[in-house]
Amino acid sequence: MLKSYNVANIRCEGCANTIKKALSEHFGNSVEVDLSVMPRKVTVEIKGDTDEELFISTLRKLGYPLIDDEISSIEGAVMKGKSFVSCAVGKFNPKKEKQ
């Protein structure tokens, strides 16, 4: 089932590249990041609870929690820092388009 999630800390194409690259190993090319809306939406093919847990935990490790996640202010600050680094990595290592 294709599901969309509102995700925090996504600012640009660098963030989107990092998210797509990190999730592509498990979810393939089904990952889409919509940068045209606020809050940003990430859409992915979820086949069960295990997929959803992996999706959410991977985003959190990168510093991109779901908008609805209850996190402390300290944890929120840490995730913003992680997302800043993830964003920079995504800008320097853009996903190469298949031709």
N, C-alpha and C. Protein backbone atom coordinates (compact mmCIF):
# COMPACT_ATOMS: atom_id res chain seq x y z
N MET A 1 0.84 -1.17 0.00
CA MET A 1 0.00 0.00 0.00
C MET A 1 0.89 1.24 0.00
N LEU A 2 0.59 2.16 -0.87
CA LEU A 2 1.32 3.42 -0.94
C LEU A 2 0.83 4.33 0.18
N LYS A 3 1.77 4.79 1.03
CA LYS A 3 1.41 5.65 2.16
C LYS A 3 2.26 6.91 2.14
N SER A 4 1.65 8.01 2.58
CA SER A 4 2.37 9.29 2.68
C SER A 4 2.47 9.68 4.14
N TYR A 5 3.61 10.25 4.50
CA TYR A 5 3.89 10.67 5.87
C TYR A 5 4.37 12.11 5.87
N ASN A 6 3.94 12.90 6.84
CA ASN A 6 4.44 14.26 7.03
C ASN A 6 5.73 14.15 7.84
N VAL A 7 6.81 14.70 7.30
CA VAL A 7 8.13 14.53 7.89
C VAL A 7 8.75 15.89 8.19
N ALA A 8 9.36 16.00 9.36
CA ALA A 8 10.00 17.25 9.81
C ALA A 8 11.45 17.34 9.30
N ASN A 9 11.96 18.55 9.28
CA ASN A 9 13.36 18.89 9.01
C ASN A 9 13.78 18.74 7.55
N ILE A 10 12.89 18.41 6.64
CA ILE A 10 13.25 18.32 5.22
C ILE A 10 13.19 19.74 4.65
N ARG A 11 14.32 20.19 4.11
CA ARG A 11 14.39 21.55 3.62
C ARG A 11 14.62 21.65 2.11
N CYS A 12 15.35 20.69 1.54
CA CYS A 12 15.77 20.89 0.16
C CYS A 12 16.00 19.57 -0.57
N GLU A 13 16.49 19.68 -1.78
CA GLU A 13 16.76 18.50 -2.61
C GLU A 13 17.87 17.63 -1.99
N GLY A 14 18.80 18.27 -1.27
CA GLY A 14 19.85 17.49 -0.59
C GLY A 14 19.24 16.55 0.45
N CYS A 15 18.27 17.06 1.20
CA CYS A 15 17.57 16.23 2.18
C CYS A 15 16.84 15.09 1.47
N ALA A 16 16.15 15.43 0.38
CA ALA A 16 15.40 14.42 -0.39
C ALA A 16 16.33 13.35 -0.94
N ASN A 17 17.50 13.74 -1.46
CA ASN A 17 18.46 12.77 -1.98
C ASN A 17 18.92 11.81 -0.91
N THR A 18 19.22 12.33 0.28
CA THR A 18 19.67 11.49 1.38
C THR A 18 18.60 10.48 1.77
N ILE A 19 17.37 10.95 1.88
CA ILE A 19 16.25 10.08 2.27
C ILE A 19 16.04 8.99 1.22
N LYS A 20 16.01 9.37 -0.04
CA LYS A 20 15.79 8.39 -1.11
C LYS A 20 16.90 7.34 -1.13
N LYS A 21 18.14 7.79 -0.98
CA LYS A 21 19.27 6.86 -1.01
C LYS A 21 19.21 5.89 0.16
N ALA A 22 18.91 6.40 1.35
CA ALA A 22 18.87 5.55 2.54
C ALA A 22 17.74 4.53 2.49
N LEU A 23 16.62 4.92 1.91
CA LEU A 23 15.46 4.04 1.87
C LEU A 23 15.42 3.14 0.63
N SER A 24 16.19 3.46 -0.40
CA SER A 24 16.10 2.72 -1.66
C SER A 24 16.54 1.27 -1.54
N GLU A 25 17.45 0.97 -0.63
CA GLU A 25 17.92 -0.42 -0.48
C GLU A 25 16.77 -1.36 -0.13
N HIS A 26 15.88 -0.90 0.73
CA HIS A 26 14.74 -1.75 1.14
C HIS A 26 13.49 -1.48 0.31
N PHE A 27 13.24 -0.22 -0.02
CA PHE A 27 11.98 0.15 -0.67
C PHE A 27 12.10 0.38 -2.17
N GLY A 28 13.30 0.28 -2.70
CA GLY A 28 13.49 0.47 -4.14
C GLY A 28 13.19 1.88 -4.57
N ASN A 29 12.62 2.01 -5.75
CA ASN A 29 12.33 3.33 -6.32
C ASN A 29 10.95 3.86 -5.93
N SER A 30 10.30 3.23 -4.94
CA SER A 30 8.96 3.67 -4.57
C SER A 30 8.97 4.91 -3.67
N VAL A 31 10.15 5.39 -3.28
CA VAL A 31 10.25 6.52 -2.36
C VAL A 31 10.16 7.84 -3.13
N GLU A 32 9.21 8.67 -2.73
CA GLU A 32 9.05 10.00 -3.31
C GLU A 32 9.02 11.03 -2.20
N VAL A 33 9.73 12.14 -2.39
CA VAL A 33 9.75 13.23 -1.42
C VAL A 33 9.14 14.45 -2.11
N ASP A 34 8.04 14.96 -1.56
CA ASP A 34 7.35 16.12 -2.13
C ASP A 34 7.84 17.38 -1.43
N LEU A 35 8.64 18.17 -2.14
CA LEU A 35 9.19 19.41 -1.59
C LEU A 35 8.28 20.60 -1.85
N SER A 36 7.16 20.38 -2.52
CA SER A 36 6.28 21.50 -2.87
C SER A 36 5.22 21.79 -1.81
N VAL A 37 5.16 20.99 -0.77
CA VAL A 37 4.15 21.18 0.28
C VAL A 37 4.82 21.33 1.65
N MET A 38 4.10 21.96 2.56
CA MET A 38 4.56 22.06 3.95
C MET A 38 3.46 21.51 4.83
N PRO A 39 3.71 20.62 5.74
CA PRO A 39 4.99 19.96 5.93
C PRO A 39 5.32 19.05 4.75
N ARG A 40 6.60 18.76 4.61
CA ARG A 40 7.06 17.91 3.51
C ARG A 40 6.47 16.52 3.65
N LYS A 41 6.17 15.90 2.51
CA LYS A 41 5.60 14.56 2.51
C LYS A 41 6.57 13.57 1.87
N VAL A 42 6.68 12.41 2.51
CA VAL A 42 7.44 11.30 1.94
C VAL A 42 6.44 10.18 1.70
N THR A 43 6.41 9.69 0.48
CA THR A 43 5.50 8.63 0.09
C THR A 43 6.32 7.39 -0.26
N VAL A 44 5.84 6.25 0.24
CA VAL A 44 6.58 5.00 0.05
C VAL A 44 5.60 3.82 0.03
N GLU A 45 6.01 2.74 -0.61
CA GLU A 45 5.22 1.51 -0.64
C GLU A 45 5.48 0.74 0.66
N ILE A 46 4.45 0.62 1.49
CA ILE A 46 4.54 -0.09 2.77
C ILE A 46 3.76 -1.38 2.66
N LYS A 47 4.43 -2.51 2.94
CA LYS A 47 3.79 -3.81 2.81
C LYS A 47 3.36 -4.41 4.14
N GLY A 48 3.73 -3.77 5.24
CA GLY A 48 3.34 -4.29 6.55
C GLY A 48 3.95 -3.48 7.67
N ASP A 49 3.68 -3.92 8.91
CA ASP A 49 4.19 -3.20 10.08
C ASP A 49 5.71 -3.15 10.11
N THR A 50 6.37 -4.22 9.68
CA THR A 50 7.83 -4.24 9.68
C THR A 50 8.39 -3.18 8.75
N ASP A 51 7.79 -3.04 7.57
CA ASP A 51 8.21 -1.99 6.63
C ASP A 51 8.04 -0.61 7.24
N GLU A 52 6.89 -0.38 7.88
CA GLU A 52 6.62 0.92 8.47
C GLU A 52 7.61 1.24 9.58
N GLU A 53 7.92 0.26 10.42
CA GLU A 53 8.89 0.46 11.51
C GLU A 53 10.26 0.77 10.94
N LEU A 54 10.68 0.05 9.90
CA LEU A 54 11.98 0.30 9.27
C LEU A 54 12.02 1.70 8.65
N PHE A 55 10.95 2.08 7.99
CA PHE A 55 10.85 3.39 7.37
C PHE A 55 11.02 4.50 8.42
N ILE A 56 10.24 4.41 9.49
CA ILE A 56 10.27 5.44 10.53
C ILE A 56 11.62 5.48 11.23
N SER A 57 12.18 4.32 11.56
CA SER A 57 13.47 4.30 12.27
C SER A 57 14.60 4.82 11.39
N THR A 58 14.55 4.52 10.09
CA THR A 58 15.58 5.03 9.18
C THR A 58 15.51 6.55 9.09
N LEU A 59 14.31 7.09 8.95
CA LEU A 59 14.17 8.55 8.91
C LEU A 59 14.69 9.19 10.19
N ARG A 60 14.34 8.61 11.33
CA ARG A 60 14.79 9.17 12.62
C ARG A 60 16.31 9.15 12.73
N LYS A 61 16.95 8.07 12.28
CA LYS A 61 18.42 7.99 12.33
C LYS A 61 19.07 9.08 11.49
N LEU A 62 18.40 9.47 10.42
CA LEU A 62 18.92 10.53 9.55
C LEU A 62 18.59 11.93 10.08
N GLY A 63 17.70 12.01 11.09
CA GLY A 63 17.32 13.31 11.64
C GLY A 63 16.02 13.85 11.10
N TYR A 64 15.21 12.98 10.50
CA TYR A 64 13.94 13.38 9.91
C TYR A 64 12.77 12.63 10.57
N PRO A 65 12.33 13.09 11.74
CA PRO A 65 11.21 12.40 12.41
C PRO A 65 9.89 12.74 11.74
N LEU A 66 8.89 11.91 11.99
CA LEU A 66 7.54 12.23 11.52
C LEU A 66 7.04 13.43 12.32
N ILE A 67 6.22 14.26 11.71
CA ILE A 67 5.67 15.45 12.36
C ILE A 67 4.95 15.06 13.65
N ASP A 68 4.25 13.93 13.63
CA ASP A 68 3.44 13.50 14.78
C ASP A 68 4.25 12.84 15.89
N ASP A 69 5.55 12.57 15.66
CA ASP A 69 6.38 11.92 16.70
C ASP A 69 6.48 12.82 17.92
N GLU A 70 6.33 12.21 19.07
CA GLU A 70 6.53 12.94 20.32
C GLU A 70 8.00 12.81 20.70
N ILE A 71 8.72 13.92 20.60
CA ILE A 71 10.14 13.93 20.94
C ILE A 71 10.42 15.07 21.90
N SER A 72 11.42 14.87 22.74
CA SER A 72 11.79 15.92 23.69
C SER A 72 12.49 17.04 22.94
N SER A 73 12.62 18.18 23.59
CA SER A 73 13.28 19.32 22.94
C SER A 73 14.76 19.02 22.68
N ILE A 74 15.38 18.26 23.57
CA ILE A 74 16.79 17.89 23.35
C ILE A 74 16.91 16.95 22.16
N GLU A 75 16.03 15.93 22.12
CA GLU A 75 16.05 15.00 21.01
C GLU A 75 15.74 15.72 19.70
N GLY A 76 14.83 16.69 19.75
CA GLY A 76 14.50 17.48 18.56
C GLY A 76 15.71 18.26 18.06
N ALA A 77 16.48 18.83 18.99
CA ALA A 77 17.68 19.58 18.61
C ALA A 77 18.73 18.64 17.99
N VAL A 78 18.87 17.46 18.57
CA VAL A 78 19.82 16.48 18.03
C VAL A 78 19.40 16.08 16.61
N MET A 79 18.11 15.86 16.41
CA MET A 79 17.63 15.46 15.08
C MET A 79 17.81 16.58 14.07
N LYS A 80 17.65 17.83 14.48
CA LYS A 80 17.90 18.94 13.55
C LYS A 80 19.36 18.96 13.13
N GLY A 81 20.25 18.70 14.08
CA GLY A 81 21.68 18.61 13.75
C GLY A 81 21.98 17.48 12.80
N LYS A 82 21.39 16.31 13.05
CA LYS A 82 21.57 15.16 12.17
C LYS A 82 21.04 15.47 10.77
N SER A 83 19.88 16.11 10.71
CA SER A 83 19.29 16.40 9.40
C SER A 83 20.15 17.40 8.63
N PHE A 84 20.80 18.32 9.34
CA PHE A 84 21.68 19.28 8.68
C PHE A 84 22.84 18.54 8.00
N VAL A 85 23.43 17.57 8.72
CA VAL A 85 24.52 16.77 8.16
C VAL A 85 24.01 15.91 7.00
N SER A 86 22.85 15.27 7.19
CA SER A 86 22.27 14.44 6.14
C SER A 86 21.99 15.26 4.88
N CYS A 87 21.52 16.47 5.07
CA CYS A 87 21.25 17.38 3.96
C CYS A 87 22.54 17.67 3.19
N ALA A 88 23.59 18.00 3.92
CA ALA A 88 24.88 18.31 3.29
C ALA A 88 25.40 17.12 2.50
N VAL A 89 25.28 15.93 3.07
CA VAL A 89 25.71 14.71 2.39
C VAL A 89 24.91 14.53 1.11
N GLY A 90 23.62 14.77 1.17
CA GLY A 90 22.76 14.64 -0.02
C GLY A 90 23.10 15.63 -1.11
N LYS A 91 23.58 16.81 -0.72
CA LYS A 91 23.96 17.81 -1.72
C LYS A 91 25.27 17.43 -2.42
N PHE A 92 26.19 16.81 -1.67
CA PHE A 92 27.48 16.45 -2.24
C PHE A 92 27.45 15.11 -2.97
N ASN A 93 26.46 14.28 -2.66
CA ASN A 93 26.33 12.97 -3.30
C ASN A 93 24.95 12.82 -3.90
N PRO A 94 24.62 13.62 -4.89
CA PRO A 94 23.28 13.54 -5.47
C PRO A 94 23.03 12.19 -6.11
N LYS A 95 21.80 11.76 -6.08
CA LYS A 95 21.41 10.51 -6.70
C LYS A 95 21.55 10.66 -8.21
N LYS A 96 22.26 9.74 -8.81
CA LYS A 96 22.43 9.80 -10.25
C LYS A 96 21.20 9.25 -10.94
N GLU A 97 20.69 10.00 -11.88
CA GLU A 97 19.52 9.59 -12.63
C GLU A 97 19.91 8.55 -13.66
N LYS A 98 19.07 7.54 -13.83
CA LYS A 98 19.31 6.51 -14.84
C LYS A 98 18.96 7.08 -16.21
N GLN A 99 19.80 6.80 -17.17
CA GLN A 99 19.55 7.32 -18.52
C GLN A 99 19.23 6.20 -19.46
